[in-house]
Amino acid sequence: MNTDIRAIFFDLGGTFRIVHEDKSYSDNAKKRIALLCEAGMDPDSFHQLIDARYDRYREWVLKHMCEAPEDILWTRWLAPDYDQDRVTAAAGELTYLYRQAKGERLVVEGGVDTAKELCARGYTLGIISDLVGTREIDEWLDRDNLRPYFKAVQQSSVTLIRKPHPAIYYYALREAGARAETSAFIGDNLARDILGAKAVGFGMTIAVEYEGMPPLKPTDETMPDAKITAFRQLLDIFPSRGRVDTARILRVGEEA
């Protein structure tokens, strides 16, 4: 672990943002998906069909560390038996709605204030996300006025490369003007977030273990340098650019 950390990169889903279930929010998205595809079946049943197909797609992306373009996602994997011209034209909107059908994504408690304070302390911040779809992240950053705080935003739906493939980390480092050995990565998935960052040579890796999450079970290959149980704990670990407060680090297996 390097204590000279100057840049901090974040995963999004399960790390910086979490899903909040809202039935009316999800139901509305399901109805719009069925209408766009002219599914000819009730929205819940159609969503179950899409979900089953998405599971097979996930097997493919995890095997190849690759994300399909949105039009290919829908015409090859999720809705190949529906009007292809219609589905292709609506692919971006369909992906956006499919995400909404799972629930509303909200920033974790203290997330915005923590990111702003880390910037004020001199750290360069970036995002590396496997979130499916090209619309959601940009819309969220602009809506919440967060874009100025992130010098790099790399999305697998844009690069078509998924974590733990090293390339998406290198893209983010290059965009941010950062070096791997003086960068930290924070994520919730050991097999993707932490493994990929370690493969690239990040100076520090931190896994999240929020309340209600299963306990982290790392292997030697995926063992992070630290864990956090609340996002604000990053302010304890990173007091100023180029420093890590090792006394405030919580190791995997330790209680907060």
Protein backbone atom coordinates (compact mmCIF):
# COMPACT_ATOMS: atom_id res chain seq x y z
CA MET A 1 0.00 0.00 0.00
CA ASN A 2 1.27 3.45 -0.92
CA THR A 3 0.59 6.31 1.51
CA ASP A 4 1.29 8.96 -1.14
CA ILE A 5 -2.22 9.10 -2.65
CA ARG A 6 -3.11 11.98 -4.96
CA ALA A 7 -6.09 10.66 -6.95
CA ILE A 8 -9.14 8.67 -5.87
CA PHE A 9 -11.35 6.72 -8.26
CA PHE A 10 -14.81 5.37 -7.46
CA ASP A 11 -17.07 2.61 -8.64
CA LEU A 12 -20.70 3.79 -8.71
CA GLY A 13 -23.27 1.03 -8.15
CA GLY A 14 -23.13 -0.25 -4.58
CA THR A 15 -20.31 2.16 -3.75
CA PHE A 16 -21.18 5.80 -4.48
CA ARG A 17 -24.85 5.18 -5.31
CA ILE A 18 -27.29 2.55 -4.08
CA VAL A 19 -30.69 1.34 -5.26
CA HIS A 20 -33.82 2.49 -3.46
CA GLU A 21 -36.90 0.45 -4.28
CA ASP A 22 -39.95 2.43 -5.38
CA LYS A 23 -42.74 0.33 -6.87
CA SER A 24 -44.49 3.15 -8.73
CA TYR A 25 -41.15 4.35 -10.14
CA SER A 26 -40.27 0.84 -11.31
CA ASP A 27 -43.74 0.03 -12.64
CA ASN A 28 -43.78 3.17 -14.77
CA ALA A 29 -40.46 2.18 -16.34
CA LYS A 30 -41.71 -1.36 -17.05
CA LYS A 31 -44.82 0.01 -18.77
CA ARG A 32 -42.76 2.28 -21.00
CA ILE A 33 -40.40 -0.56 -21.95
CA ALA A 34 -43.33 -2.75 -23.00
CA LEU A 35 -44.83 0.10 -25.03
CA LEU A 36 -41.56 0.94 -26.80
CA CYS A 37 -41.05 -2.69 -27.79
CA GLU A 38 -44.74 -3.21 -28.62
CA ALA A 39 -44.43 -6.30 -26.47
CA GLY A 40 -48.04 -7.45 -26.66
CA MET A 41 -47.93 -8.69 -23.06
CA ASP A 42 -48.33 -7.20 -19.62
CA PRO A 43 -45.34 -5.13 -18.43
CA ASP A 44 -44.44 -7.36 -15.49
CA SER A 45 -44.37 -10.51 -17.62
CA PHE A 46 -42.33 -8.77 -20.29
CA HIS A 47 -39.90 -7.52 -17.66
CA GLN A 48 -39.44 -11.05 -16.34
CA LEU A 49 -38.63 -12.18 -19.88
CA ILE A 50 -36.11 -9.37 -20.32
CA ASP A 51 -34.56 -10.14 -16.92
CA ALA A 52 -34.01 -13.79 -17.82
CA ARG A 53 -32.37 -12.77 -21.07
CA TYR A 54 -30.25 -10.18 -19.29
CA ASP A 55 -28.92 -12.89 -16.99
CA ARG A 56 -27.59 -14.73 -20.04
CA TYR A 57 -26.11 -11.49 -21.35
CA ARG A 58 -24.37 -10.96 -17.99
CA GLU A 59 -22.71 -14.35 -18.29
CA TRP A 60 -21.30 -13.24 -21.64
CA VAL A 61 -20.04 -9.85 -20.44
CA LEU A 62 -18.38 -11.28 -17.35
CA LYS A 63 -16.65 -13.95 -19.39
CA HIS A 64 -15.32 -11.53 -22.01
CA MET A 65 -15.00 -8.35 -19.86
CA CYS A 66 -16.86 -6.56 -22.63
CA GLU A 67 -20.03 -4.48 -22.81
CA ALA A 68 -22.18 -4.59 -25.94
CA PRO A 69 -23.39 -1.33 -27.53
CA GLU A 70 -26.96 -0.57 -26.51
CA ASP A 71 -28.47 -1.37 -29.90
CA ILE A 72 -26.71 -4.75 -29.90
CA LEU A 73 -27.74 -5.40 -26.31
CA TRP A 74 -31.40 -5.09 -27.30
CA THR A 75 -31.41 -6.56 -30.81
CA ARG A 76 -29.18 -9.55 -30.02
CA TRP A 77 -29.83 -10.27 -26.38
CA LEU A 78 -32.94 -8.71 -24.87
CA ALA A 79 -35.50 -8.25 -27.64
CA PRO A 80 -34.30 -10.10 -30.77
CA ASP A 81 -37.83 -11.30 -31.59
CA TYR A 82 -39.37 -7.81 -31.76
CA ASP A 83 -39.32 -5.21 -34.52
CA GLN A 84 -35.60 -4.61 -34.99
CA ASP A 85 -35.84 -1.13 -36.46
CA ARG A 86 -38.09 -0.01 -33.63
CA VAL A 87 -35.91 -1.62 -30.97
CA THR A 88 -32.72 -0.18 -32.47
CA ALA A 89 -34.17 3.33 -32.55
CA ALA A 90 -35.28 3.06 -28.93
CA ALA A 91 -32.24 1.19 -27.55
CA GLY A 92 -30.81 4.08 -25.54
CA GLU A 93 -34.17 4.86 -23.94
CA LEU A 94 -34.85 1.17 -23.30
CA THR A 95 -31.56 0.76 -21.44
CA TYR A 96 -32.25 3.86 -19.39
CA LEU A 97 -35.72 2.56 -18.48
CA TYR A 98 -34.43 -0.94 -17.74
CA ARG A 99 -32.18 0.59 -15.10
CA GLN A 100 -35.14 2.51 -13.65
CA ALA A 101 -37.20 -0.68 -13.50
CA LYS A 102 -34.76 -1.96 -10.87
CA GLY A 103 -35.27 1.09 -8.66
CA GLU A 104 -34.04 4.63 -8.19
CA ARG A 105 -30.29 5.19 -7.79
CA LEU A 106 -29.41 7.68 -5.05
CA VAL A 107 -26.04 8.81 -3.75
CA VAL A 108 -25.04 7.15 -0.48
CA GLU A 109 -25.37 9.17 2.71
CA GLY A 110 -22.63 11.75 2.85
CA GLY A 111 -21.46 10.95 -0.66
CA VAL A 112 -21.74 14.38 -2.23
CA ASP A 113 -20.25 16.26 0.72
CA THR A 114 -17.40 13.74 0.98
CA ALA A 115 -16.53 14.04 -2.70
CA LYS A 116 -16.54 17.84 -2.49
CA GLU A 117 -14.35 17.82 0.61
CA LEU A 118 -11.85 15.41 -0.95
CA CYS A 119 -11.59 17.81 -3.88
CA ALA A 120 -11.06 20.70 -1.48
CA ARG A 121 -8.24 18.74 0.15
CA GLY A 122 -6.50 18.54 -3.22
CA TYR A 123 -7.37 15.05 -4.44
CA THR A 124 -8.16 14.38 -8.09
CA LEU A 125 -11.38 12.35 -8.35
CA GLY A 126 -12.61 9.99 -11.04
CA ILE A 127 -15.31 7.44 -11.80
CA ILE A 128 -14.88 3.99 -13.36
CA SER A 129 -18.26 2.33 -13.81
CA ASP A 130 -19.71 -0.79 -15.40
CA LEU A 131 -23.17 0.77 -15.33
CA VAL A 132 -25.06 -0.29 -18.45
CA GLY A 133 -26.26 2.56 -20.66
CA THR A 134 -24.68 5.76 -21.94
CA ARG A 135 -27.22 8.30 -20.70
CA GLU A 136 -27.64 7.88 -16.97
CA ILE A 137 -24.26 8.95 -15.58
CA ASP A 138 -23.98 12.12 -17.63
CA GLU A 139 -27.55 13.11 -16.78
CA TRP A 140 -26.96 12.50 -13.07
CA LEU A 141 -23.67 14.44 -12.95
CA ASP A 142 -25.23 17.43 -14.67
CA ARG A 143 -28.50 17.34 -12.68
CA ASP A 144 -26.69 17.22 -9.33
CA ASN A 145 -23.95 19.65 -10.41
CA LEU A 146 -21.26 17.07 -9.68
CA ARG A 147 -19.37 17.10 -12.97
CA PRO A 148 -16.79 19.71 -11.88
CA TYR A 149 -15.60 17.38 -9.11
CA PHE A 150 -14.69 14.43 -11.34
CA LYS A 151 -11.76 14.81 -13.72
CA ALA A 152 -12.36 11.42 -15.32
CA VAL A 153 -15.56 9.49 -16.04
CA GLN A 154 -15.06 6.14 -17.73
CA GLN A 155 -18.07 3.93 -18.52
CA SER A 156 -18.01 0.41 -19.85
CA SER A 157 -21.02 1.26 -22.03
CA VAL A 158 -18.83 3.82 -23.79
CA THR A 159 -15.46 2.06 -23.82
CA LEU A 160 -17.13 -1.37 -24.31
CA ILE A 161 -14.56 -2.73 -21.82
CA ARG A 162 -15.60 -3.86 -18.35
CA LYS A 163 -13.79 -4.22 -15.07
CA PRO A 164 -11.61 -6.03 -14.14
CA HIS A 165 -10.04 -5.50 -17.59
CA PRO A 166 -7.05 -3.20 -16.95
CA ALA A 167 -7.76 -1.02 -20.01
CA ILE A 168 -10.72 0.84 -18.49
CA TYR A 169 -8.57 1.79 -15.49
CA TYR A 170 -5.80 3.02 -17.78
CA TYR A 171 -8.32 5.14 -19.71
CA ALA A 172 -9.43 6.76 -16.45
CA LEU A 173 -5.89 7.38 -15.26
CA ARG A 174 -4.95 8.98 -18.56
CA GLU A 175 -8.09 11.16 -18.61
CA ALA A 176 -7.43 12.35 -15.05
CA GLY A 177 -3.70 12.86 -15.58
CA ALA A 178 -3.04 10.49 -12.68
CA ARG A 179 -0.58 7.68 -11.99
CA ALA A 180 -1.71 4.27 -10.77
CA GLU A 181 0.82 4.08 -7.94
CA THR A 182 -0.42 7.34 -6.39
CA SER A 183 -4.11 6.52 -6.90
CA ALA A 184 -6.69 4.76 -4.75
CA PHE A 185 -9.72 2.84 -5.95
CA ILE A 186 -12.93 2.38 -3.95
CA GLY A 187 -15.43 -0.30 -4.93
CA ASP A 188 -17.86 -2.88 -3.61
CA ASN A 189 -17.04 -5.86 -5.84
CA LEU A 190 -13.83 -7.62 -4.94
CA ALA A 191 -13.69 -9.76 -8.08
CA ARG A 192 -14.06 -6.78 -10.40
CA ASP A 193 -13.32 -3.46 -8.70
CA ILE A 194 -10.47 -4.53 -6.45
CA LEU A 195 -8.97 -7.20 -8.70
CA GLY A 196 -8.78 -4.82 -11.65
CA ALA A 197 -7.28 -1.96 -9.65
CA LYS A 198 -4.64 -4.23 -8.15
CA ALA A 199 -3.77 -5.61 -11.59
CA VAL A 200 -3.10 -2.08 -12.83
CA GLY A 201 -0.95 -1.26 -9.80
CA PHE A 202 -3.14 1.17 -7.89
CA GLY A 203 -1.35 2.39 -4.78
CA MET A 204 -4.32 1.61 -2.56
CA THR A 205 -7.58 -0.32 -2.81
CA ILE A 206 -10.57 0.09 -0.51
CA ALA A 207 -13.68 -2.10 -0.43
CA VAL A 208 -17.04 -0.99 0.94
CA GLU A 209 -18.97 -3.10 3.44
CA TYR A 210 -22.06 -1.04 4.23
CA GLU A 211 -24.67 -2.10 6.73
CA GLY A 212 -26.83 -4.87 5.30
CA MET A 213 -24.17 -6.05 2.86
CA PRO A 214 -22.73 -9.57 3.15
CA PRO A 215 -19.32 -9.63 4.87
CA LEU A 216 -16.39 -9.28 2.49
CA LYS A 217 -14.71 -12.59 1.68
CA PRO A 218 -11.52 -11.76 -0.18
CA THR A 219 -8.98 -14.16 -1.58
CA ASP A 220 -5.26 -13.44 -1.57
CA GLU A 221 -5.74 -12.00 -5.06
CA THR A 222 -8.67 -9.73 -4.16
CA MET A 223 -7.67 -8.60 -0.66
CA PRO A 224 -8.11 -4.81 -0.41
CA ASP A 225 -5.83 -2.63 1.66
CA ALA A 226 -8.76 -1.36 3.70
CA LYS A 227 -12.54 -1.32 4.01
CA ILE A 228 -15.08 1.34 4.86
CA THR A 229 -18.50 0.84 6.42
CA ALA A 230 -19.64 4.41 5.70
CA PHE A 231 -18.64 6.65 2.81
CA ARG A 232 -17.61 9.53 5.10
CA GLN A 233 -14.82 7.39 6.51
CA LEU A 234 -12.83 8.32 3.42
CA LEU A 235 -12.31 11.72 5.02
CA ASP A 236 -10.57 10.01 7.94
CA ILE A 237 -8.32 7.98 5.64
CA PHE A 238 -7.40 10.83 3.29
CA PRO A 239 -6.66 13.99 5.32
CA SER A 240 -4.80 15.81 2.53
CA ARG A 241 -3.36 15.16 -0.92
CA GLY A 242 -0.33 12.90 -0.74
CA ARG A 243 -1.24 11.47 2.66
CA VAL A 244 -2.99 8.43 4.08
CA ASP A 245 -3.79 8.26 7.79
CA THR A 246 -2.86 4.62 8.37
CA ALA A 247 -4.13 4.80 11.97
CA ARG A 248 -7.68 5.30 10.64
CA ILE A 249 -7.61 2.33 8.28
CA LEU A 250 -10.04 -0.50 8.96
CA ARG A 251 -8.92 -3.88 7.65
CA VAL A 252 -11.19 -6.59 6.30
CA GLY A 253 -12.37 -8.70 9.22
CA GLU A 254 -12.06 -5.86 11.74
CA GLU A 255 -15.06 -4.23 13.37
CA ALA A 256 -15.68 -0.52 12.96
